[in-house]
Amino acid sequence: MNFMQALRTRWSEADTMVCVGLDPDPSRFPAVVRDDPDSVFAFCRAIVDATADLACAFKPQIAHFAALCAEDALERLIAHIHDAHPDVPVILDAKRGDIGSTAQRYVIEAFDRYDADAVTLNPYLGRDSIQPFLDRADKGVILLCRTSNPGGADFQNLDCGGRPLYQRVAETIARDWNEHGNCALVTGATFPEELGQVRRIVGDMPLLVPGIGAQGGDVEAVLREGADASGAGLMISSSRAILYAGSDDDYAQAARAAANQLRDQINTYRSKA
């Protein structure tokens, strides 16, 4: 089963559009794992096992592991997800983007070293920088479009022939780059009207939506503007609000409760979308 098939299966059979972000920060770990020499893996594995049935995808952020010299923990974590929860796809949040032989090496990093099912990418070096990823038709290619951070507007909203650049990006990817049907776009929850513009441009292409939780995105607005024709089409990502919902020994159960609350909230508005 390829990434897109796995994702759509989670939307329908597990009835969830929650994407659980895995951004380990040891300073926020509960005392029960803080002194574990393998604390990054232990903490993330506990979160994964507690939330897997509520997740449409897991999204480990590579910098949070690399900054801790914990790439080995990331490899083992993804292997654990595949072994213990094989129906839940893994998105490597790496935001890579480079040309030629370097792009080829990033493909090997994401899909062969880490065995991710999808990867986030920066499209601003153009199609040749993304083509090696597009050629892996079984893998998801998730491209930045209208990001959730305030500074995203510095370039993404610049006029480009009478339309903002982010809309040109969405149009080009949907029209020209998605030959294998393995593309998705990153569109932030913090700008729901612009999210809606992207949805109208790309049709039923999946959208990865960060910005819920700590960044203040509104779930109802995201569903109203971003759901596809079937009422799905979204990977609504939450990291800190789930990971650090609890700080005691029951941190995994607290994470599960937060993920379940988000899923229920999404599904309430999903039924109205």
C-alpha atoms as a PDB file:
ATOM      1  CA  MET A   1       0.000   0.000   0.000  1.00  0.00           C
ATOM      2  CA  ASN A   2       1.489   3.362  -0.996  1.00  0.00           C
ATOM      3  CA  PHE A   3       1.387   6.522   1.116  1.00  0.00           C
ATOM      4  CA  MET A   4      -1.761   8.002  -0.421  1.00  0.00           C
ATOM      5  CA  GLN A   5      -3.660   4.722  -0.115  1.00  0.00           C
ATOM      6  CA  ALA A   6      -2.599   4.343   3.518  1.00  0.00           C
ATOM      7  CA  LEU A   7      -3.615   7.917   4.296  1.00  0.00           C
ATOM      8  CA  ARG A   8      -7.053   7.604   2.724  1.00  0.00           C
ATOM      9  CA  THR A   9      -7.590   4.320   4.539  1.00  0.00           C
ATOM     10  CA  ARG A  10      -6.859   6.023   7.859  1.00  0.00           C
ATOM     11  CA  TRP A  11      -9.317   8.818   7.039  1.00  0.00           C
ATOM     12  CA  SER A  12     -12.100   6.337   6.330  1.00  0.00           C
ATOM     13  CA  GLU A  13     -11.478   3.263   8.459  1.00  0.00           C
ATOM     14  CA  ALA A  14      -9.947   4.943  11.531  1.00  0.00           C
ATOM     15  CA  ASP A  15     -12.136   8.042  11.131  1.00  0.00           C
ATOM     16  CA  THR A  16      -9.289  10.375  11.944  1.00  0.00           C
ATOM     17  CA  MET A  17      -7.459  13.320  10.367  1.00  0.00           C
ATOM     18  CA  VAL A  18      -5.115  13.891  13.330  1.00  0.00           C
ATOM     19  CA  CYS A  19      -1.437  13.970  12.394  1.00  0.00           C
ATOM     20  CA  VAL A  20       0.663  13.545  15.526  1.00  0.00           C
ATOM     21  CA  GLY A  21       3.869  15.563  15.315  1.00  0.00           C
ATOM     22  CA  LEU A  22       6.894  14.091  17.073  1.00  0.00           C
ATOM     23  CA  ASP A  23       9.151  16.998  18.140  1.00  0.00           C
ATOM     24  CA  PRO A  24      11.151  15.743  21.144  1.00  0.00           C
ATOM     25  CA  ASP A  25      12.426  18.368  23.573  1.00  0.00           C
ATOM     26  CA  PRO A  26      14.181  16.727  26.535  1.00  0.00           C
ATOM     27  CA  SER A  27      13.724  19.840  28.676  1.00  0.00           C
ATOM     28  CA  ARG A  28      10.001  19.105  28.620  1.00  0.00           C
ATOM     29  CA  PHE A  29      10.195  15.360  29.209  1.00  0.00           C
ATOM     30  CA  PRO A  30       8.565  14.044  32.396  1.00  0.00           C
ATOM     31  CA  ALA A  31      10.902  12.960  35.158  1.00  0.00           C
ATOM     32  CA  VAL A  32      10.069   9.292  34.586  1.00  0.00           C
ATOM     33  CA  VAL A  33      12.019   9.299  31.276  1.00  0.00           C
ATOM     34  CA  ARG A  34      14.302  12.330  31.648  1.00  0.00           C
ATOM     35  CA  ASP A  35      17.230  10.357  33.080  1.00  0.00           C
ATOM     36  CA  ASP A  36      16.862   7.432  30.675  1.00  0.00           C
ATOM     37  CA  PRO A  37      19.961   7.320  28.421  1.00  0.00           C
ATOM     38  CA  ASP A  38      17.577   6.439  25.584  1.00  0.00           C
ATOM     39  CA  SER A  39      15.007   9.058  26.622  1.00  0.00           C
ATOM     40  CA  VAL A  40      14.260  10.434  23.146  1.00  0.00           C
ATOM     41  CA  PHE A  41      13.272   7.033  21.814  1.00  0.00           C
ATOM     42  CA  ALA A  42      11.496   5.999  25.013  1.00  0.00           C
ATOM     43  CA  PHE A  43       9.416   9.175  25.175  1.00  0.00           C
ATOM     44  CA  CYS A  44       8.433   9.155  21.496  1.00  0.00           C
ATOM     45  CA  ARG A  45       7.665   5.434  21.476  1.00  0.00           C
ATOM     46  CA  ALA A  46       5.316   5.853  24.434  1.00  0.00           C
ATOM     47  CA  ILE A  47       3.500   8.703  22.661  1.00  0.00           C
ATOM     48  CA  VAL A  48       3.243   6.667  19.456  1.00  0.00           C
ATOM     49  CA  ASP A  49       1.861   3.600  21.216  1.00  0.00           C
ATOM     50  CA  ALA A  50      -0.666   5.681  23.139  1.00  0.00           C
ATOM     51  CA  THR A  51      -1.995   7.581  20.093  1.00  0.00           C
ATOM     52  CA  ALA A  52      -1.583   5.236  17.118  1.00  0.00           C
ATOM     53  CA  ASP A  53      -5.252   4.298  16.791  1.00  0.00           C
ATOM     54  CA  LEU A  54      -6.159   8.019  16.799  1.00  0.00           C
ATOM     55  CA  ALA A  55      -3.616   9.118  14.159  1.00  0.00           C
ATOM     56  CA  CYS A  56      -3.895   9.341  10.391  1.00  0.00           C
ATOM     57  CA  ALA A  57      -0.092   9.821  10.308  1.00  0.00           C
ATOM     58  CA  PHE A  58       2.928  10.416  12.498  1.00  0.00           C
ATOM     59  CA  LYS A  59       5.251  13.306  11.626  1.00  0.00           C
ATOM     60  CA  PRO A  60       8.700  13.216  13.257  1.00  0.00           C
ATOM     61  CA  GLN A  61      10.593  16.489  12.809  1.00  0.00           C
ATOM     62  CA  ILE A  62      14.146  15.617  11.800  1.00  0.00           C
ATOM     63  CA  ALA A  63      15.839  18.681  13.338  1.00  0.00           C
ATOM     64  CA  HIS A  64      14.510  17.810  16.788  1.00  0.00           C
ATOM     65  CA  PHE A  65      16.359  14.497  16.554  1.00  0.00           C
ATOM     66  CA  ALA A  66      19.473  15.670  14.718  1.00  0.00           C
ATOM     67  CA  ALA A  67      20.098  18.526  17.163  1.00  0.00           C
ATOM     68  CA  LEU A  68      20.276  15.907  19.927  1.00  0.00           C
ATOM     69  CA  CYS A  69      22.528  13.551  17.909  1.00  0.00           C
ATOM     70  CA  ALA A  70      19.525  11.221  18.060  1.00  0.00           C
ATOM     71  CA  GLU A  71      19.255  10.155  14.418  1.00  0.00           C
ATOM     72  CA  ASP A  72      19.575   6.542  15.550  1.00  0.00           C
ATOM     73  CA  ALA A  73      16.549   7.043  17.792  1.00  0.00           C
ATOM     74  CA  LEU A  74      14.633   8.407  14.797  1.00  0.00           C
ATOM     75  CA  GLU A  75      15.525   5.362  12.696  1.00  0.00           C
ATOM     76  CA  ARG A  76      14.421   3.023  15.470  1.00  0.00           C
ATOM     77  CA  LEU A  77      11.256   5.018  16.100  1.00  0.00           C
ATOM     78  CA  ILE A  78      10.129   4.814  12.475  1.00  0.00           C
ATOM     79  CA  ALA A  79      10.965   1.106  12.419  1.00  0.00           C
ATOM     80  CA  HIS A  80       8.865   0.671  15.563  1.00  0.00           C
ATOM     81  CA  ILE A  81       5.907   2.477  13.972  1.00  0.00           C
ATOM     82  CA  HIS A  82       6.115   0.257  10.901  1.00  0.00           C
ATOM     83  CA  ASP A  83       6.354  -2.893  13.018  1.00  0.00           C
ATOM     84  CA  ALA A  84       3.799  -2.104  15.727  1.00  0.00           C
ATOM     85  CA  HIS A  85       1.394   0.153  13.822  1.00  0.00           C
ATOM     86  CA  PRO A  86       1.852  -0.702  10.137  1.00  0.00           C
ATOM     87  CA  ASP A  87      -1.384   0.987   9.046  1.00  0.00           C
ATOM     88  CA  VAL A  88      -0.211   4.450  10.174  1.00  0.00           C
ATOM     89  CA  PRO A  89       2.065   6.176   7.631  1.00  0.00           C
ATOM     90  CA  VAL A  90       5.118   8.200   8.655  1.00  0.00           C
ATOM     91  CA  ILE A  91       5.892  11.670   7.290  1.00  0.00           C
ATOM     92  CA  LEU A  92       9.502  12.780   7.721  1.00  0.00           C
ATOM     93  CA  ASP A  93       9.277  16.515   8.350  1.00  0.00           C
ATOM     94  CA  ALA A  94      12.574  17.572   6.766  1.00  0.00           C
ATOM     95  CA  LYS A  95      11.677  20.413   4.347  1.00  0.00           C
ATOM     96  CA  ARG A  96      14.499  19.420   2.040  1.00  0.00           C
ATOM     97  CA  GLY A  97      15.115  21.119  -1.296  1.00  0.00           C
ATOM     98  CA  ASP A  98      18.244  21.015  -3.435  1.00  0.00           C
ATOM     99  CA  ILE A  99      19.357  20.164  -6.962  1.00  0.00           C
ATOM    100  CA  GLY A 100      21.090  17.370  -8.836  1.00  0.00           C
ATOM    101  CA  SER A 101      23.036  14.756  -6.930  1.00  0.00           C
ATOM    102  CA  THR A 102      22.212  16.389  -3.588  1.00  0.00           C
ATOM    103  CA  ALA A 103      18.481  15.904  -4.159  1.00  0.00           C
ATOM    104  CA  GLN A 104      19.163  12.256  -4.940  1.00  0.00           C
ATOM    105  CA  ARG A 105      20.964  11.878  -1.617  1.00  0.00           C
ATOM    106  CA  TYR A 106      18.046  13.464   0.227  1.00  0.00           C
ATOM    107  CA  VAL A 107      15.764  10.887  -1.401  1.00  0.00           C
ATOM    108  CA  ILE A 108      17.979   8.118  -0.058  1.00  0.00           C
ATOM    109  CA  GLU A 109      18.010   9.755   3.377  1.00  0.00           C
ATOM    110  CA  ALA A 110      14.235  10.056   3.642  1.00  0.00           C
ATOM    111  CA  PHE A 111      13.047   6.884   1.955  1.00  0.00           C
ATOM    112  CA  ASP A 112      15.898   4.392   2.298  1.00  0.00           C
ATOM    113  CA  ARG A 113      17.743   5.361   5.472  1.00  0.00           C
ATOM    114  CA  TYR A 114      14.719   6.415   7.520  1.00  0.00           C
ATOM    115  CA  ASP A 115      12.100   4.397   5.603  1.00  0.00           C
ATOM    116  CA  ALA A 116       9.593   7.246   5.741  1.00  0.00           C
ATOM    117  CA  ASP A 117       6.376   6.995   3.741  1.00  0.00           C
ATOM    118  CA  ALA A 118       6.416  10.705   2.847  1.00  0.00           C
ATOM    119  CA  VAL A 119       8.636  13.736   3.246  1.00  0.00           C
ATOM    120  CA  THR A 120       8.093  17.494   3.429  1.00  0.00           C
ATOM    121  CA  LEU A 121       9.962  19.527   0.800  1.00  0.00           C
ATOM    122  CA  ASN A 122      10.656  23.120  -0.196  1.00  0.00           C
ATOM    123  CA  PRO A 123       9.662  23.662  -3.851  1.00  0.00           C
ATOM    124  CA  TYR A 124      11.394  26.989  -4.391  1.00  0.00           C
ATOM    125  CA  LEU A 125      14.375  25.566  -6.280  1.00  0.00           C
ATOM    126  CA  GLY A 126      11.970  24.330  -8.949  1.00  0.00           C
ATOM    127  CA  ARG A 127      10.885  21.024 -10.380  1.00  0.00           C
ATOM    128  CA  ASP A 128      14.333  19.543 -10.989  1.00  0.00           C
ATOM    129  CA  SER A 129      14.992  19.751  -7.242  1.00  0.00           C
ATOM    130  CA  ILE A 130      11.809  17.764  -6.542  1.00  0.00           C
ATOM    131  CA  GLN A 131      11.826  15.321  -9.476  1.00  0.00           C
ATOM    132  CA  PRO A 132      13.841  12.598  -7.707  1.00  0.00           C
ATOM    133  CA  PHE A 133      11.153  12.533  -4.996  1.00  0.00           C
ATOM    134  CA  LEU A 134       8.292  12.627  -7.495  1.00  0.00           C
ATOM    135  CA  ASP A 135       9.793   9.595  -9.233  1.00  0.00           C
ATOM    136  CA  ARG A 136       9.203   7.522  -6.097  1.00  0.00           C
ATOM    137  CA  ALA A 137       5.537   7.088  -6.955  1.00  0.00           C
ATOM    138  CA  ASP A 138       4.766   5.031  -3.850  1.00  0.00           C
ATOM    139  CA  LYS A 139       5.984   7.792  -1.543  1.00  0.00           C
ATOM    140  CA  GLY A 140       4.290  11.036  -0.522  1.00  0.00           C
ATOM    141  CA  VAL A 141       5.769  14.358  -1.662  1.00  0.00           C
ATOM    142  CA  ILE A 142       4.472  17.133   0.615  1.00  0.00           C
ATOM    143  CA  LEU A 143       5.432  20.594  -0.596  1.00  0.00           C
ATOM    144  CA  LEU A 144       5.405  23.911   1.234  1.00  0.00           C
ATOM    145  CA  CYS A 145       2.699  26.218  -0.108  1.00  0.00           C
ATOM    146  CA  ARG A 146       1.229  28.666   2.453  1.00  0.00           C
ATOM    147  CA  THR A 147       2.946  28.053   5.740  1.00  0.00           C
ATOM    148  CA  SER A 148       1.564  28.738   9.217  1.00  0.00           C
ATOM    149  CA  ASN A 149       4.259  31.162  10.411  1.00  0.00           C
ATOM    150  CA  PRO A 150       3.612  34.944  10.197  1.00  0.00           C
ATOM    151  CA  GLY A 151       6.750  35.523   8.120  1.00  0.00           C
ATOM    152  CA  GLY A 152       5.495  33.172   5.419  1.00  0.00           C
ATOM    153  CA  ALA A 153       3.720  36.127   3.847  1.00  0.00           C
ATOM    154  CA  ASP A 154       7.065  37.847   3.154  1.00  0.00           C
ATOM    155  CA  PHE A 155       7.405  35.862  -0.055  1.00  0.00           C
ATOM    156  CA  GLN A 156       4.397  33.549  -0.344  1.00  0.00           C
ATOM    157  CA  ASN A 157       1.950  36.455  -0.714  1.00  0.00           C
ATOM    158  CA  LEU A 158       3.989  38.453  -3.228  1.00  0.00           C
ATOM    159  CA  ASP A 159       2.092  39.388  -6.384  1.00  0.00           C
ATOM    160  CA  CYS A 160       2.873  36.953  -9.169  1.00  0.00           C
ATOM    161  CA  GLY A 161       1.004  37.940 -12.321  1.00  0.00           C
ATOM    162  CA  GLY A 162      -2.037  39.185 -10.445  1.00  0.00           C
ATOM    163  CA  ARG A 163      -2.163  36.334  -7.925  1.00  0.00           C
ATOM    164  CA  PRO A 164      -0.095  35.625  -4.807  1.00  0.00           C
ATOM    165  CA  LEU A 165       2.875  33.342  -5.256  1.00  0.00           C
ATOM    166  CA  TYR A 166       1.482  30.602  -2.993  1.00  0.00           C
ATOM    167  CA  GLN A 167      -1.465  30.204  -5.364  1.00  0.00           C
ATOM    168  CA  ARG A 168       0.901  29.882  -8.336  1.00  0.00           C
ATOM    169  CA  VAL A 169       2.803  27.230  -6.409  1.00  0.00           C
ATOM    170  CA  ALA A 170      -0.420  25.308  -5.689  1.00  0.00           C
ATOM    171  CA  GLU A 171      -1.543  25.559  -9.304  1.00  0.00           C
ATOM    172  CA  THR A 172       1.783  24.432 -10.750  1.00  0.00           C
ATOM    173  CA  ILE A 173       2.105  21.442  -8.447  1.00  0.00           C
ATOM    174  CA  ALA A 174      -1.494  20.307  -9.018  1.00  0.00           C
ATOM    175  CA  ARG A 175      -1.339  20.795 -12.779  1.00  0.00           C
ATOM    176  CA  ASP A 176       2.228  19.809 -13.686  1.00  0.00           C
ATOM    177  CA  TRP A 177       3.983  17.927 -10.890  1.00  0.00           C
ATOM    178  CA  ASN A 178       1.371  15.455  -9.681  1.00  0.00           C
ATOM    179  CA  GLU A 179       1.592  12.906 -12.481  1.00  0.00           C
ATOM    180  CA  HIS A 180       1.795   9.990 -10.028  1.00  0.00           C
ATOM    181  CA  GLY A 181      -0.852  11.394  -7.684  1.00  0.00           C
ATOM    182  CA  ASN A 182       1.653  11.453  -4.820  1.00  0.00           C
ATOM    183  CA  CYS A 183       1.754  15.191  -4.087  1.00  0.00           C
ATOM    184  CA  ALA A 184       0.299  17.055  -1.119  1.00  0.00           C
ATOM    185  CA  LEU A 185       0.702  20.627   0.101  1.00  0.00           C
ATOM    186  CA  VAL A 186       1.535  22.277   3.429  1.00  0.00           C
ATOM    187  CA  THR A 187      -1.068  24.933   4.201  1.00  0.00           C
ATOM    188  CA  GLY A 188      -1.234  26.531   7.631  1.00  0.00           C
ATOM    189  CA  ALA A 189      -4.274  26.495   9.894  1.00  0.00           C
ATOM    190  CA  THR A 190      -3.483  30.066  10.927  1.00  0.00           C
ATOM    191  CA  PHE A 191      -4.650  31.424   7.555  1.00  0.00           C
ATOM    192  CA  PRO A 192      -7.947  29.612   6.879  1.00  0.00           C
ATOM    193  CA  GLU A 193      -9.125  31.840   4.008  1.00  0.00           C
ATOM    194  CA  GLU A 194      -5.870  31.236   2.167  1.00  0.00           C
ATOM    195  CA  LEU A 195      -6.207  27.541   2.965  1.00  0.00           C
ATOM    196  CA  GLY A 196      -9.595  27.691   1.233  1.00  0.00           C
ATOM    197  CA  GLN A 197      -8.043  29.321  -1.812  1.00  0.00           C
ATOM    198  CA  VAL A 198      -5.556  26.483  -2.048  1.00  0.00           C
ATOM    199  CA  ARG A 199      -8.323  23.879  -1.723  1.00  0.00           C
ATOM    200  CA  ARG A 200     -10.245  25.439  -4.591  1.00  0.00           C
ATOM    201  CA  ILE A 201      -7.138  25.377  -6.778  1.00  0.00           C
ATOM    202  CA  VAL A 202      -5.994  21.801  -6.102  1.00  0.00           C
ATOM    203  CA  GLY A 203      -9.285  19.930  -5.811  1.00  0.00           C
ATOM    204  CA  ASP A 204      -8.983  16.786  -3.687  1.00  0.00           C
ATOM    205  CA  MET A 205      -5.188  16.868  -3.231  1.00  0.00           C
ATOM    206  CA  PRO A 206      -4.334  16.149   0.433  1.00  0.00           C
ATOM    207  CA  LEU A 207      -3.261  19.075   2.597  1.00  0.00           C
ATOM    208  CA  LEU A 208      -0.961  18.888   5.603  1.00  0.00           C
ATOM    209  CA  VAL A 209      -2.197  21.546   8.017  1.00  0.00           C
ATOM    210  CA  PRO A 210       0.121  22.660  10.831  1.00  0.00           C
ATOM    211  CA  GLY A 211      -0.750  25.447  13.240  1.00  0.00           C
ATOM    212  CA  ILE A 212      -3.418  23.792  15.396  1.00  0.00           C
ATOM    213  CA  GLY A 213      -2.820  23.844  19.139  1.00  0.00           C
ATOM    214  CA  ALA A 214       0.174  25.896  20.268  1.00  0.00           C
ATOM    215  CA  GLN A 215       0.012  28.168  17.180  1.00  0.00           C
ATOM    216  CA  GLY A 216      -3.675  28.934  17.682  1.00  0.00           C
ATOM    217  CA  GLY A 217      -5.263  27.631  14.478  1.00  0.00           C
ATOM    218  CA  ASP A 218      -9.043  27.191  14.531  1.00  0.00           C
ATOM    219  CA  VAL A 219     -10.311  23.678  13.807  1.00  0.00           C
ATOM    220  CA  GLU A 220     -13.769  24.753  12.654  1.00  0.00           C
ATOM    221  CA  ALA A 221     -12.313  27.224  10.138  1.00  0.00           C
ATOM    222  CA  VAL A 222      -9.861  24.620   8.852  1.00  0.00           C
ATOM    223  CA  LEU A 223     -12.649  22.115   8.206  1.00  0.00           C
ATOM    224  CA  ARG A 224     -14.912  24.715   6.646  1.00  0.00           C
ATOM    225  CA  GLU A 225     -12.248  25.980   4.271  1.00  0.00           C
ATOM    226  CA  GLY A 226     -10.032  22.952   3.763  1.00  0.00           C
ATOM    227  CA  ALA A 227     -12.065  19.737   3.688  1.00  0.00           C
ATOM    228  CA  ASP A 228     -12.285  18.025   0.323  1.00  0.00           C
ATOM    229  CA  ALA A 229     -15.492  16.909  -1.395  1.00  0.00           C
ATOM    230  CA  SER A 230     -15.687  13.804   0.816  1.00  0.00           C
ATOM    231  CA  GLY A 231     -15.257  15.791   4.026  1.00  0.00           C
ATOM    232  CA  ALA A 232     -11.687  14.531   4.456  1.00  0.00           C
ATOM    233  CA  GLY A 233      -8.513  15.528   2.610  1.00  0.00           C
ATOM    234  CA  LEU A 234      -6.625  16.923   5.614  1.00  0.00           C
ATOM    235  CA  MET A 235      -3.743  15.905   7.857  1.00  0.00           C
ATOM    236  CA  ILE A 236      -4.309  18.272  10.784  1.00  0.00           C
ATOM    237  CA  SER A 237      -1.038  18.346  12.652  1.00  0.00           C
ATOM    238  CA  SER A 238      -0.557  18.919  16.357  1.00  0.00           C
ATOM    239  CA  SER A 239       2.754  18.415  18.108  1.00  0.00           C
ATOM    240  CA  ARG A 240       3.357  20.221  21.405  1.00  0.00           C
ATOM    241  CA  ALA A 241      -0.295  20.236  22.484  1.00  0.00           C
ATOM    242  CA  ILE A 242      -0.304  16.436  22.316  1.00  0.00           C
ATOM    243  CA  LEU A 243       3.288  15.591  23.274  1.00  0.00           C
ATOM    244  CA  TYR A 244       3.355  17.727  26.393  1.00  0.00           C
ATOM    245  CA  ALA A 245      -0.270  17.489  27.483  1.00  0.00           C
ATOM    246  CA  GLY A 246       0.975  15.865  30.693  1.00  0.00           C
ATOM    247  CA  SER A 247       4.166  16.126  32.715  1.00  0.00           C
ATOM    248  CA  ASP A 248       3.803  13.264  35.184  1.00  0.00           C
ATOM    249  CA  ASP A 249       4.147   9.500  34.935  1.00  0.00           C
ATOM    250  CA  ASP A 250       0.878   9.357  32.995  1.00  0.00           C
ATOM    251  CA  TYR A 251       2.218  11.588  30.192  1.00  0.00           C
ATOM    252  CA  ALA A 252       1.373   9.032  27.499  1.00  0.00           C
ATOM    253  CA  GLN A 253      -2.214   8.755  28.694  1.00  0.00           C
ATOM    254  CA  ALA A 254      -2.449  12.564  28.760  1.00  0.00           C
ATOM    255  CA  ALA A 255      -1.160  12.662  25.177  1.00  0.00           C
ATOM    256  CA  ARG A 256      -3.783  10.126  24.195  1.00  0.00           C
ATOM    257  CA  ALA A 257      -6.523  12.197  25.803  1.00  0.00           C
ATOM    258  CA  ALA A 258      -5.352  15.304  23.925  1.00  0.00           C
ATOM    259  CA  ALA A 259      -5.219  13.444  20.603  1.00  0.00           C
ATOM    260  CA  ASN A 260      -8.653  11.961  21.211  1.00  0.00           C
ATOM    261  CA  GLN A 261     -10.077  15.379  22.063  1.00  0.00           C
ATOM    262  CA  LEU A 262      -8.663  16.823  18.831  1.00  0.00           C
ATOM    263  CA  ARG A 263     -10.014  13.927  16.779  1.00  0.00           C
ATOM    264  CA  ASP A 264     -13.473  14.344  18.275  1.00  0.00           C
ATOM    265  CA  GLN A 265     -13.369  18.089  17.679  1.00  0.00           C
ATOM    266  CA  ILE A 266     -12.332  17.584  14.055  1.00  0.00           C
ATOM    267  CA  ASN A 267     -15.032  14.989  13.473  1.00  0.00           C
ATOM    268  CA  THR A 268     -17.701  17.245  14.960  1.00  0.00           C
ATOM    269  CA  TYR A 269     -16.931  19.899  12.347  1.00  0.00           C
ATOM    270  CA  ARG A 270     -16.199  17.286   9.684  1.00  0.00           C
ATOM    271  CA  SER A 271     -19.809  16.154   9.816  1.00  0.00           C
ATOM    272  CA  LYS A 272     -20.874  19.735   9.056  1.00  0.00           C
ATOM    273  CA  ALA A 273     -18.305  20.452   6.340  1.00  0.00           C
END
